[in-house]
Amino acid sequence: MFCAFRYGLLGLVVPLASIGQITNACTAPERPFLPERSEDIREYADLLRSDFEGYIADIQEYFRCLDAERQRAFHEAQEVSRDYGRLVEILE
């Protein structure tokens, strides 16, 4: 009965931990739309230019986010490896 209770709690904790990871996830910006017709491009040039410049700024921020997440995950993996080594050492 204790095991069932413990695993029941684990079933609640793991999804909550996953939600925290999702909120910290990097989100890629949407690719800007470019009309096919040259006339439309000329007519909406200011708006299109703004969309493309915004995309370039956002994609740079996205790359920085990915770099930071990679570094965070790498450090976490190192800590987990050390913890696993300690676990194996205690169990031997």
PDB file of N, CA and C in Angstrom:
ATOM      1  N   MET A   1       0.827  -1.191   0.000  1.00  0.00           N
ATOM      2  CA  MET A   1       0.000   0.000   0.000  1.00  0.00           C
ATOM      3  C   MET A   1       0.873   1.257   0.000  1.00  0.00           C
ATOM      4  N   PHE A   2       1.949   1.242   0.783  1.00  0.00           N
ATOM      5  CA  PHE A   2       2.848   2.395   0.811  1.00  0.00           C
ATOM      6  C   PHE A   2       3.422   2.672  -0.578  1.00  0.00           C
ATOM      7  N   CYS A   3       3.808   1.590  -1.299  1.00  0.00           N
ATOM      8  CA  CYS A   3       4.372   1.754  -2.640  1.00  0.00           C
ATOM      9  C   CYS A   3       3.369   2.408  -3.576  1.00  0.00           C
ATOM     10  N   ALA A   4       2.110   1.980  -3.480  1.00  0.00           N
ATOM     11  CA  ALA A   4       1.081   2.559  -4.335  1.00  0.00           C
ATOM     12  C   ALA A   4       0.926   4.049  -4.046  1.00  0.00           C
ATOM     13  N   PHE A   5       0.965   4.412  -2.772  1.00  0.00           N
ATOM     14  CA  PHE A   5       0.861   5.817  -2.387  1.00  0.00           C
ATOM     15  C   PHE A   5       2.053   6.618  -2.910  1.00  0.00           C
ATOM     16  N   ARG A   6       3.253   6.052  -2.731  1.00  0.00           N
ATOM     17  CA  ARG A   6       4.468   6.736  -3.162  1.00  0.00           C
ATOM     18  C   ARG A   6       4.461   6.933  -4.671  1.00  0.00           C
ATOM     19  N   TYR A   7       4.107   5.901  -5.424  1.00  0.00           N
ATOM     20  CA  TYR A   7       4.086   6.024  -6.874  1.00  0.00           C
ATOM     21  C   TYR A   7       2.968   6.941  -7.334  1.00  0.00           C
ATOM     22  N   GLY A   8       1.891   6.999  -6.569  1.00  0.00           N
ATOM     23  CA  GLY A   8       0.816   7.937  -6.883  1.00  0.00           C
ATOM     24  C   GLY A   8       1.301   9.372  -6.773  1.00  0.00           C
ATOM     25  N   LEU A   9       2.070   9.668  -5.718  1.00  0.00           N
ATOM     26  CA  LEU A   9       2.642  11.007  -5.563  1.00  0.00           C
ATOM     27  C   LEU A   9       3.642  11.304  -6.673  1.00  0.00           C
ATOM     28  N   LEU A  10       4.436  10.294  -7.014  1.00  0.00           N
ATOM     29  CA  LEU A  10       5.406  10.476  -8.089  1.00  0.00           C
ATOM     30  C   LEU A  10       4.695  10.820  -9.392  1.00  0.00           C
ATOM     31  N   GLY A  11       3.551  10.191  -9.615  1.00  0.00           N
ATOM     32  CA  GLY A  11       2.772  10.478 -10.822  1.00  0.00           C
ATOM     33  C   GLY A  11       2.289  11.912 -10.874  1.00  0.00           C
ATOM     34  N   LEU A  12       2.131  12.548  -9.710  1.00  0.00           N
ATOM     35  CA  LEU A  12       1.729  13.949  -9.672  1.00  0.00           C
ATOM     36  C   LEU A  12       2.916  14.889  -9.791  1.00  0.00           C
ATOM     37  N   VAL A  13       4.037  14.510  -9.196  1.00  0.00           N
ATOM     38  CA  VAL A  13       5.204  15.382  -9.161  1.00  0.00           C
ATOM     39  C   VAL A  13       5.877  15.480 -10.519  1.00  0.00           C
ATOM     40  N   VAL A  14       6.028  14.375 -11.218  1.00  0.00           N
ATOM     41  CA  VAL A  14       6.738  14.389 -12.499  1.00  0.00           C
ATOM     42  C   VAL A  14       6.068  15.315 -13.517  1.00  0.00           C
ATOM     43  N   PRO A  15       4.738  15.241 -13.698  1.00  0.00           N
ATOM     44  CA  PRO A  15       4.134  16.183 -14.654  1.00  0.00           C
ATOM     45  C   PRO A  15       4.304  17.634 -14.235  1.00  0.00           C
ATOM     46  N   LEU A  16       4.252  17.915 -12.923  1.00  0.00           N
ATOM     47  CA  LEU A  16       4.448  19.290 -12.474  1.00  0.00           C
ATOM     48  C   LEU A  16       5.863  19.770 -12.763  1.00  0.00           C
ATOM     49  N   ALA A  17       6.840  18.900 -12.597  1.00  0.00           N
ATOM     50  CA  ALA A  17       8.221  19.258 -12.916  1.00  0.00           C
ATOM     51  C   ALA A  17       8.359  19.516 -14.404  1.00  0.00           C
ATOM     52  N   SER A  18       7.661  18.748 -15.203  1.00  0.00           N
ATOM     53  CA  SER A  18       7.722  18.928 -16.655  1.00  0.00           C
ATOM     54  C   SER A  18       7.122  20.260 -17.074  1.00  0.00           C
ATOM     55  N   ILE A  19       6.083  20.698 -16.387  1.00  0.00           N
ATOM     56  CA  ILE A  19       5.464  21.978 -16.707  1.00  0.00           C
ATOM     57  C   ILE A  19       6.477  23.099 -16.511  1.00  0.00           C
ATOM     58  N   GLY A  20       7.260  23.034 -15.442  1.00  0.00           N
ATOM     59  CA  GLY A  20       8.284  24.047 -15.203  1.00  0.00           C
ATOM     60  C   GLY A  20       9.304  24.089 -16.321  1.00  0.00           C
ATOM     61  N   GLN A  21       9.639  22.933 -16.863  1.00  0.00           N
ATOM     62  CA  GLN A  21      10.603  22.888 -17.956  1.00  0.00           C
ATOM     63  C   GLN A  21      10.010  23.482 -19.224  1.00  0.00           C
ATOM     64  N   ILE A  22       8.736  23.273 -19.442  1.00  0.00           N
ATOM     65  CA  ILE A  22       8.093  23.798 -20.644  1.00  0.00           C
ATOM     66  C   ILE A  22       8.077  25.317 -20.616  1.00  0.00           C
ATOM     67  N   THR A  23       7.815  25.915 -19.462  1.00  0.00           N
ATOM     68  CA  THR A  23       7.755  27.365 -19.389  1.00  0.00           C
ATOM     69  C   THR A  23       9.118  27.998 -19.626  1.00  0.00           C
ATOM     70  N   ASN A  24      10.197  27.266 -19.383  1.00  0.00           N
ATOM     71  CA  ASN A  24      11.540  27.781 -19.605  1.00  0.00           C
ATOM     72  C   ASN A  24      12.064  27.445 -20.997  1.00  0.00           C
ATOM     73  N   ALA A  25      11.261  26.777 -21.799  1.00  0.00           N
ATOM     74  CA  ALA A  25      11.706  26.348 -23.111  1.00  0.00           C
ATOM     75  C   ALA A  25      11.898  27.551 -24.040  1.00  0.00           C
ATOM     76  N   CYS A  26      12.841  27.428 -24.939  1.00  0.00           N
ATOM     77  CA  CYS A  26      13.071  28.455 -25.950  1.00  0.00           C
ATOM     78  C   CYS A  26      12.010  28.304 -27.039  1.00  0.00           C
ATOM     79  N   THR A  27      11.477  29.403 -27.476  1.00  0.00           N
ATOM     80  CA  THR A  27      10.442  29.374 -28.507  1.00  0.00           C
ATOM     81  C   THR A  27      10.955  30.075 -29.758  1.00  0.00           C
ATOM     82  N   ALA A  28      10.984  29.331 -30.843  1.00  0.00           N
ATOM     83  CA  ALA A  28      11.451  29.897 -32.114  1.00  0.00           C
ATOM     84  C   ALA A  28      10.426  30.901 -32.642  1.00  0.00           C
ATOM     85  N   PRO A  29      10.906  31.992 -33.204  1.00  0.00           N
ATOM     86  CA  PRO A  29       9.973  32.962 -33.779  1.00  0.00           C
ATOM     87  C   PRO A  29       9.373  32.435 -35.080  1.00  0.00           C
ATOM     88  N   GLU A  30       8.211  32.969 -35.414  1.00  0.00           N
ATOM     89  CA  GLU A  30       7.586  32.590 -36.679  1.00  0.00           C
ATOM     90  C   GLU A  30       8.310  33.273 -37.833  1.00  0.00           C
ATOM     91  N   ARG A  31       8.454  32.505 -38.889  1.00  0.00           N
ATOM     92  CA  ARG A  31       9.090  33.038 -40.092  1.00  0.00           C
ATOM     93  C   ARG A  31       8.204  34.135 -40.679  1.00  0.00           C
ATOM     94  N   PRO A  32       8.793  35.261 -41.088  1.00  0.00           N
ATOM     95  CA  PRO A  32       7.980  36.341 -41.645  1.00  0.00           C
ATOM     96  C   PRO A  32       7.411  35.964 -43.016  1.00  0.00           C
ATOM     97  N   PHE A  33       6.247  36.495 -43.294  1.00  0.00           N
ATOM     98  CA  PHE A  33       5.569  36.242 -44.567  1.00  0.00           C
ATOM     99  C   PHE A  33       6.105  37.191 -45.626  1.00  0.00           C
ATOM    100  N   LEU A  34       6.362  36.663 -46.790  1.00  0.00           N
ATOM    101  CA  LEU A  34       6.776  37.473 -47.934  1.00  0.00           C
ATOM    102  C   LEU A  34       5.813  37.185 -49.076  1.00  0.00           C
ATOM    103  N   PRO A  35       5.043  38.191 -49.483  1.00  0.00           N
ATOM    104  CA  PRO A  35       4.101  37.976 -50.589  1.00  0.00           C
ATOM    105  C   PRO A  35       4.835  37.575 -51.868  1.00  0.00           C
ATOM    106  N   GLU A  36       4.137  36.882 -52.733  1.00  0.00           N
ATOM    107  CA  GLU A  36       4.734  36.452 -53.993  1.00  0.00           C
ATOM    108  C   GLU A  36       4.789  37.580 -55.016  1.00  0.00           C
ATOM    109  N   ARG A  37       3.797  38.418 -55.010  1.00  0.00           N
ATOM    110  CA  ARG A  37       3.727  39.473 -56.030  1.00  0.00           C
ATOM    111  C   ARG A  37       4.613  40.661 -55.659  1.00  0.00           C
ATOM    112  N   SER A  38       5.394  41.108 -56.605  1.00  0.00           N
ATOM    113  CA  SER A  38       6.282  42.264 -56.390  1.00  0.00           C
ATOM    114  C   SER A  38       5.492  43.512 -56.008  1.00  0.00           C
ATOM    115  N   GLU A  39       4.319  43.647 -56.592  1.00  0.00           N
ATOM    116  CA  GLU A  39       3.486  44.812 -56.294  1.00  0.00           C
ATOM    117  C   GLU A  39       3.097  44.849 -54.818  1.00  0.00           C
ATOM    118  N   ASP A  40       2.755  43.673 -54.275  1.00  0.00           N
ATOM    119  CA  ASP A  40       2.393  43.591 -52.861  1.00  0.00           C
ATOM    120  C   ASP A  40       3.597  43.883 -51.966  1.00  0.00           C
ATOM    121  N   ILE A  41       4.764  43.418 -52.395  1.00  0.00           N
ATOM    122  CA  ILE A  41       5.982  43.684 -51.617  1.00  0.00           C
ATOM    123  C   ILE A  41       6.248  45.179 -51.565  1.00  0.00           C
ATOM    124  N   ARG A  42       6.117  45.859 -52.695  1.00  0.00           N
ATOM    125  CA  ARG A  42       6.346  47.309 -52.725  1.00  0.00           C
ATOM    126  C   ARG A  42       5.297  48.058 -51.904  1.00  0.00           C
ATOM    127  N   GLU A  43       4.053  47.608 -52.013  1.00  0.00           N
ATOM    128  CA  GLU A  43       2.967  48.291 -51.308  1.00  0.00           C
ATOM    129  C   GLU A  43       3.121  48.178 -49.784  1.00  0.00           C
ATOM    130  N   TYR A  44       3.574  47.033 -49.324  1.00  0.00           N
ATOM    131  CA  TYR A  44       3.692  46.792 -47.883  1.00  0.00           C
ATOM    132  C   TYR A  44       5.147  46.756 -47.424  1.00  0.00           C
ATOM    133  N   ALA A  45       6.013  47.445 -48.128  1.00  0.00           N
ATOM    134  CA  ALA A  45       7.454  47.398 -47.866  1.00  0.00           C
ATOM    135  C   ALA A  45       7.801  47.736 -46.421  1.00  0.00           C
ATOM    136  N   ASP A  46       7.220  48.794 -45.880  1.00  0.00           N
ATOM    137  CA  ASP A  46       7.550  49.197 -44.504  1.00  0.00           C
ATOM    138  C   ASP A  46       7.144  48.118 -43.503  1.00  0.00           C
ATOM    139  N   LEU A  47       5.960  47.583 -43.669  1.00  0.00           N
ATOM    140  CA  LEU A  47       5.483  46.535 -42.770  1.00  0.00           C
ATOM    141  C   LEU A  47       6.330  45.275 -42.909  1.00  0.00           C
ATOM    142  N   LEU A  48       6.633  44.887 -44.135  1.00  0.00           N
ATOM    143  CA  LEU A  48       7.444  43.691 -44.369  1.00  0.00           C
ATOM    144  C   LEU A  48       8.857  43.861 -43.816  1.00  0.00           C
ATOM    145  N   ARG A  49       9.438  45.019 -44.048  1.00  0.00           N
ATOM    146  CA  ARG A  49      10.780  45.287 -43.537  1.00  0.00           C
ATOM    147  C   ARG A  49      10.785  45.183 -42.010  1.00  0.00           C
ATOM    148  N   SER A  50       9.774  45.742 -41.376  1.00  0.00           N
ATOM    149  CA  SER A  50       9.657  45.679 -39.923  1.00  0.00           C
ATOM    150  C   SER A  50       9.522  44.229 -39.444  1.00  0.00           C
ATOM    151  N   ASP A  51       8.711  43.443 -40.153  1.00  0.00           N
ATOM    152  CA  ASP A  51       8.545  42.029 -39.791  1.00  0.00           C
ATOM    153  C   ASP A  51       9.865  41.268 -39.896  1.00  0.00           C
ATOM    154  N   PHE A  52      10.607  41.515 -40.976  1.00  0.00           N
ATOM    155  CA  PHE A  52      11.880  40.811 -41.166  1.00  0.00           C
ATOM    156  C   PHE A  52      12.918  41.249 -40.139  1.00  0.00           C
ATOM    157  N   GLU A  53      12.974  42.538 -39.845  1.00  0.00           N
ATOM    158  CA  GLU A  53      13.923  43.013 -38.839  1.00  0.00           C
ATOM    159  C   GLU A  53      13.570  42.479 -37.457  1.00  0.00           C
ATOM    160  N   GLY A  54      12.276  42.398 -37.159  1.00  0.00           N
ATOM    161  CA  GLY A  54      11.835  41.811 -35.897  1.00  0.00           C
ATOM    162  C   GLY A  54      12.213  40.344 -35.814  1.00  0.00           C
ATOM    163  N   TYR A  55      12.059  39.640 -36.929  1.00  0.00           N
ATOM    164  CA  TYR A  55      12.426  38.223 -36.959  1.00  0.00           C
ATOM    165  C   TYR A  55      13.924  38.049 -36.703  1.00  0.00           C
ATOM    166  N   ILE A  56      14.732  38.875 -37.319  1.00  0.00           N
ATOM    167  CA  ILE A  56      16.188  38.766 -37.149  1.00  0.00           C
ATOM    168  C   ILE A  56      16.567  38.996 -35.685  1.00  0.00           C
ATOM    169  N   ALA A  57      15.950  39.986 -35.053  1.00  0.00           N
ATOM    170  CA  ALA A  57      16.215  40.236 -33.625  1.00  0.00           C
ATOM    171  C   ALA A  57      15.735  39.055 -32.781  1.00  0.00           C
ATOM    172  N   ASP A  58      14.554  38.541 -33.092  1.00  0.00           N
ATOM    173  CA  ASP A  58      13.990  37.433 -32.313  1.00  0.00           C
ATOM    174  C   ASP A  58      14.785  36.139 -32.498  1.00  0.00           C
ATOM    175  N   ILE A  59      15.281  35.889 -33.701  1.00  0.00           N
ATOM    176  CA  ILE A  59      16.030  34.646 -33.932  1.00  0.00           C
ATOM    177  C   ILE A  59      17.372  34.703 -33.208  1.00  0.00           C
ATOM    178  N   GLN A  60      17.948  35.894 -33.101  1.00  0.00           N
ATOM    179  CA  GLN A  60      19.188  36.030 -32.346  1.00  0.00           C
ATOM    180  C   GLN A  60      18.944  35.745 -30.864  1.00  0.00           C
ATOM    181  N   GLU A  61      17.832  36.228 -30.334  1.00  0.00           N
ATOM    182  CA  GLU A  61      17.464  35.948 -28.942  1.00  0.00           C
ATOM    183  C   GLU A  61      17.198  34.452 -28.760  1.00  0.00           C
ATOM    184  N   TYR A  62      16.576  33.831 -29.739  1.00  0.00           N
ATOM    185  CA  TYR A  62      16.310  32.396 -29.702  1.00  0.00           C
ATOM    186  C   TYR A  62      17.617  31.606 -29.655  1.00  0.00           C
ATOM    187  N   PHE A  63      18.587  32.000 -30.473  1.00  0.00           N
ATOM    188  CA  PHE A  63      19.894  31.332 -30.456  1.00  0.00           C
ATOM    189  C   PHE A  63      20.570  31.486 -29.088  1.00  0.00           C
ATOM    190  N   ARG A  64      20.475  32.683 -28.491  1.00  0.00           N
ATOM    191  CA  ARG A  64      21.047  32.895 -27.157  1.00  0.00           C
ATOM    192  C   ARG A  64      20.354  32.003 -26.131  1.00  0.00           C
ATOM    193  N   CYS A  65      19.056  31.867 -26.243  1.00  0.00           N
ATOM    194  CA  CYS A  65      18.292  31.011 -25.336  1.00  0.00           C
ATOM    195  C   CYS A  65      18.730  29.554 -25.488  1.00  0.00           C
ATOM    196  N   LEU A  66      18.876  29.093 -26.733  1.00  0.00           N
ATOM    197  CA  LEU A  66      19.317  27.718 -26.963  1.00  0.00           C
ATOM    198  C   LEU A  66      20.712  27.475 -26.393  1.00  0.00           C
ATOM    199  N   ASP A  67      21.605  28.440 -26.577  1.00  0.00           N
ATOM    200  CA  ASP A  67      22.953  28.317 -26.022  1.00  0.00           C
ATOM    201  C   ASP A  67      22.912  28.220 -24.496  1.00  0.00           C
ATOM    202  N   ALA A  68      22.086  29.066 -23.863  1.00  0.00           N
ATOM    203  CA  ALA A  68      21.970  29.045 -22.406  1.00  0.00           C
ATOM    204  C   ALA A  68      21.360  27.723 -21.934  1.00  0.00           C
ATOM    205  N   GLU A  69      20.359  27.232 -22.638  1.00  0.00           N
ATOM    206  CA  GLU A  69      19.731  25.963 -22.254  1.00  0.00           C
ATOM    207  C   GLU A  69      20.706  24.804 -22.427  1.00  0.00           C
ATOM    208  N   ARG A  70      21.498  24.835 -23.473  1.00  0.00           N
ATOM    209  CA  ARG A  70      22.498  23.784 -23.672  1.00  0.00           C
ATOM    210  C   ARG A  70      23.500  23.785 -22.523  1.00  0.00           C
ATOM    211  N   GLN A  71      23.948  24.959 -22.133  1.00  0.00           N
ATOM    212  CA  GLN A  71      24.901  25.072 -21.028  1.00  0.00           C
ATOM    213  C   GLN A  71      24.270  24.584 -19.723  1.00  0.00           C
ATOM    214  N   ARG A  72      23.022  24.978 -19.459  1.00  0.00           N
ATOM    215  CA  ARG A  72      22.330  24.533 -18.250  1.00  0.00           C
ATOM    216  C   ARG A  72      22.191  23.017 -18.234  1.00  0.00           C
ATOM    217  N   ALA A  73      21.775  22.443 -19.365  1.00  0.00           N
ATOM    218  CA  ALA A  73      21.585  20.993 -19.451  1.00  0.00           C
ATOM    219  C   ALA A  73      22.912  20.260 -19.294  1.00  0.00           C
ATOM    220  N   PHE A  74      23.982  20.797 -19.846  1.00  0.00           N
ATOM    221  CA  PHE A  74      25.299  20.185 -19.721  1.00  0.00           C
ATOM    222  C   PHE A  74      25.727  20.128 -18.253  1.00  0.00           C
ATOM    223  N   HIS A  75      25.557  21.244 -17.530  1.00  0.00           N
ATOM    224  CA  HIS A  75      25.924  21.276 -16.116  1.00  0.00           C
ATOM    225  C   HIS A  75      25.046  20.324 -15.301  1.00  0.00           C
ATOM    226  N   GLU A  76      23.771  20.281 -15.644  1.00  0.00           N
ATOM    227  CA  GLU A  76      22.875  19.348 -14.950  1.00  0.00           C
ATOM    228  C   GLU A  76      23.312  17.904 -15.187  1.00  0.00           C
ATOM    229  N   ALA A  77      23.674  17.585 -16.417  1.00  0.00           N
ATOM    230  CA  ALA A  77      24.122  16.223 -16.743  1.00  0.00           C
ATOM    231  C   ALA A  77      25.388  15.876 -15.963  1.00  0.00           C
ATOM    232  N   GLN A  78      26.290  16.838 -15.801  1.00  0.00           N
ATOM    233  CA  GLN A  78      27.496  16.600 -15.010  1.00  0.00           C
ATOM    234  C   GLN A  78      27.131  16.296 -13.553  1.00  0.00           C
ATOM    235  N   GLU A  79      26.201  17.070 -13.001  1.00  0.00           N
ATOM    236  CA  GLU A  79      25.770  16.842 -11.617  1.00  0.00           C
ATOM    237  C   GLU A  79      25.109  15.473 -11.472  1.00  0.00           C
ATOM    238  N   VAL A  80      24.267  15.119 -12.418  1.00  0.00           N
ATOM    239  CA  VAL A  80      23.592  13.820 -12.374  1.00  0.00           C
ATOM    240  C   VAL A  80      24.614  12.695 -12.485  1.00  0.00           C
ATOM    241  N   SER A  81      25.622  12.860 -13.324  1.00  0.00           N
ATOM    242  CA  SER A  81      26.668  11.842 -13.448  1.00  0.00           C
ATOM    243  C   SER A  81      27.409  11.664 -12.129  1.00  0.00           C
ATOM    244  N   ARG A  82      27.716  12.768 -11.452  1.00  0.00           N
ATOM    245  CA  ARG A  82      28.372  12.686 -10.145  1.00  0.00           C
ATOM    246  C   ARG A  82      27.467  11.992  -9.129  1.00  0.00           C
ATOM    247  N   ASP A  83      26.179  12.356  -9.145  1.00  0.00           N
ATOM    248  CA  ASP A  83      25.227  11.713  -8.235  1.00  0.00           C
ATOM    249  C   ASP A  83      25.125  10.219  -8.517  1.00  0.00           C
ATOM    250  N   TYR A  84      25.124   9.854  -9.771  1.00  0.00           N
ATOM    251  CA  TYR A  84      25.049   8.440 -10.130  1.00  0.00           C
ATOM    252  C   TYR A  84      26.298   7.711  -9.664  1.00  0.00           C
ATOM    253  N   GLY A  85      27.444   8.324  -9.822  1.00  0.00           N
ATOM    254  CA  GLY A  85      28.686   7.730  -9.344  1.00  0.00           C
ATOM    255  C   GLY A  85      28.639   7.507  -7.846  1.00  0.00           C
ATOM    256  N   ARG A  86      28.097   8.459  -7.117  1.00  0.00           N
ATOM    257  CA  ARG A  86      27.945   8.313  -5.669  1.00  0.00           C
ATOM    258  C   ARG A  86      26.987   7.172  -5.342  1.00  0.00           C
ATOM    259  N   LEU A  87      25.894   7.077  -6.079  1.00  0.00           N
ATOM    260  CA  LEU A  87      24.923   5.999  -5.880  1.00  0.00           C
ATOM    261  C   LEU A  87      25.580   4.644  -6.081  1.00  0.00           C
ATOM    262  N   VAL A  88      26.314   4.499  -7.185  1.00  0.00           N
ATOM    263  CA  VAL A  88      26.974   3.226  -7.486  1.00  0.00           C
ATOM    264  C   VAL A  88      27.997   2.892  -6.400  1.00  0.00           C
ATOM    265  N   GLU A  89      28.730   3.909  -5.961  1.00  0.00           N
ATOM    266  CA  GLU A  89      29.751   3.691  -4.928  1.00  0.00           C
ATOM    267  C   GLU A  89      29.105   3.214  -3.617  1.00  0.00           C
ATOM    268  N   ILE A  90      27.994   3.813  -3.246  1.00  0.00           N
ATOM    269  CA  ILE A  90      27.314   3.407  -1.997  1.00  0.00           C
ATOM    270  C   ILE A  90      26.743   2.005  -2.114  1.00  0.00           C
ATOM    271  N   LEU A  91      26.240   1.636  -3.289  1.00  0.00           N
ATOM    272  CA  LEU A  91      25.615   0.338  -3.452  1.00  0.00           C
ATOM    273  C   LEU A  91      26.610  -0.809  -3.617  1.00  0.00           C
ATOM    274  N   GLU A  92      27.852  -0.494  -3.883  1.00  0.00           N
ATOM    275  CA  GLU A  92      28.852  -1.563  -4.071  1.00  0.00           C
ATOM    276  C   GLU A  92      29.387  -2.070  -2.768  1.00  0.00           C
TER     277      GLU A  92
END
